[in-house]
């Protein structure tokens, strides 16, 4: 088939069914936007969660009156 014929027929189809063509284009556009938005938010939230996990710190305060055996037990 010739490309010119295909183009002519597709344009004729668009002109005869304008409302359904516009509705199809809008539906596909919104779907692609929502999918892109979902993946963007998912990627950024995973990055944020990893960043927060990497910054977790634990600080321990030990009594000055502990014996050496108690300190060794805490280290283990």
Protein backbone atom coordinates (compact mmCIF):
# COMPACT_ATOMS: atom_id res chain seq x y z
CA UNK A 1 0.00 0.00 0.00
CA UNK A 2 1.05 3.51 -0.62
CA UNK A 3 1.79 5.85 2.21
CA UNK A 4 -0.17 8.65 0.59
CA UNK A 5 -3.29 6.47 0.43
CA UNK A 6 -2.97 5.50 4.10
CA UNK A 7 -2.53 9.12 5.14
CA UNK A 8 -5.53 10.22 3.06
CA UNK A 9 -7.78 7.52 4.51
CA UNK A 10 -6.71 8.20 8.09
CA UNK A 11 -7.42 11.92 7.71
CA UNK A 12 -10.80 11.12 6.17
CA UNK A 13 -11.57 8.87 9.15
CA UNK A 14 -10.58 11.60 11.58
CA UNK A 15 -12.84 14.10 9.83
CA UNK A 16 -15.84 11.79 9.82
CA UNK A 17 -15.56 10.90 13.53
CA UNK A 18 -14.14 14.01 15.17
CA UNK A 19 -15.65 13.52 18.61
CA UNK A 20 -14.47 9.94 19.05
CA UNK A 21 -11.03 10.86 17.71
CA UNK A 22 -10.64 13.72 20.18
CA UNK A 23 -11.92 11.56 23.04
CA UNK A 24 -9.41 8.82 22.14
CA UNK A 25 -6.50 11.24 21.99
CA UNK A 26 -7.45 12.83 25.33
CA UNK A 27 -7.88 9.43 26.99
CA UNK A 28 -4.51 8.15 25.78
CA UNK A 29 -2.80 11.41 26.77
CA UNK A 30 -4.24 11.35 30.28
CA UNK A 31 -3.31 7.69 30.68
CA UNK A 32 0.29 8.33 29.70
CA UNK A 33 0.50 11.33 32.01
CA UNK A 34 -0.84 9.31 34.95
CA UNK A 35 1.58 6.45 34.29
CA UNK A 36 4.52 8.86 34.09
CA UNK A 37 3.39 10.60 37.28
CA UNK A 38 3.10 7.26 39.11
CA UNK A 39 6.60 6.14 38.11
CA UNK A 40 8.09 9.53 38.97
CA UNK A 41 6.51 9.56 42.42
CA UNK A 42 7.46 5.94 43.02
CA UNK A 43 11.08 6.53 42.06
CA UNK A 44 11.39 9.69 44.16
CA UNK A 45 9.71 8.16 47.21
CA UNK A 46 12.04 5.14 47.08
CA UNK A 47 15.00 7.49 46.86
CA UNK A 48 13.72 9.51 49.83
CA UNK A 49 13.15 6.38 51.95
CA UNK A 50 16.67 5.13 51.20
CA UNK A 51 18.10 8.52 52.12
CA UNK A 52 16.25 8.52 55.44
CA UNK A 53 17.39 4.95 56.21
CA UNK A 54 21.03 5.90 55.59
CA UNK A 55 20.87 8.78 58.08
CA UNK A 56 19.69 6.74 61.07
CA UNK A 57 22.11 6.98 64.00
CA UNK A 58 22.11 5.44 67.46
CA UNK A 59 23.69 7.19 70.41
CA UNK A 60 24.41 5.23 73.59
CA UNK A 61 25.15 6.70 77.01
CA UNK A 62 26.97 4.45 79.47
CA UNK A 63 27.17 4.95 83.20
CA UNK A 64 30.66 5.82 84.46
CA UNK A 65 30.38 3.32 87.34
CA UNK A 66 30.23 0.18 85.14
CA UNK A 67 32.87 -2.47 85.55
CA UNK A 68 35.00 -3.81 82.72
CA UNK A 69 33.01 -7.07 82.66
CA UNK A 70 29.76 -5.11 82.23
CA UNK A 71 31.29 -3.10 79.38
CA UNK A 72 32.41 -6.28 77.62
CA UNK A 73 28.94 -7.75 78.01
CA UNK A 74 27.38 -4.66 76.46
CA UNK A 75 29.80 -4.75 73.51
CA UNK A 76 28.91 -8.35 72.77
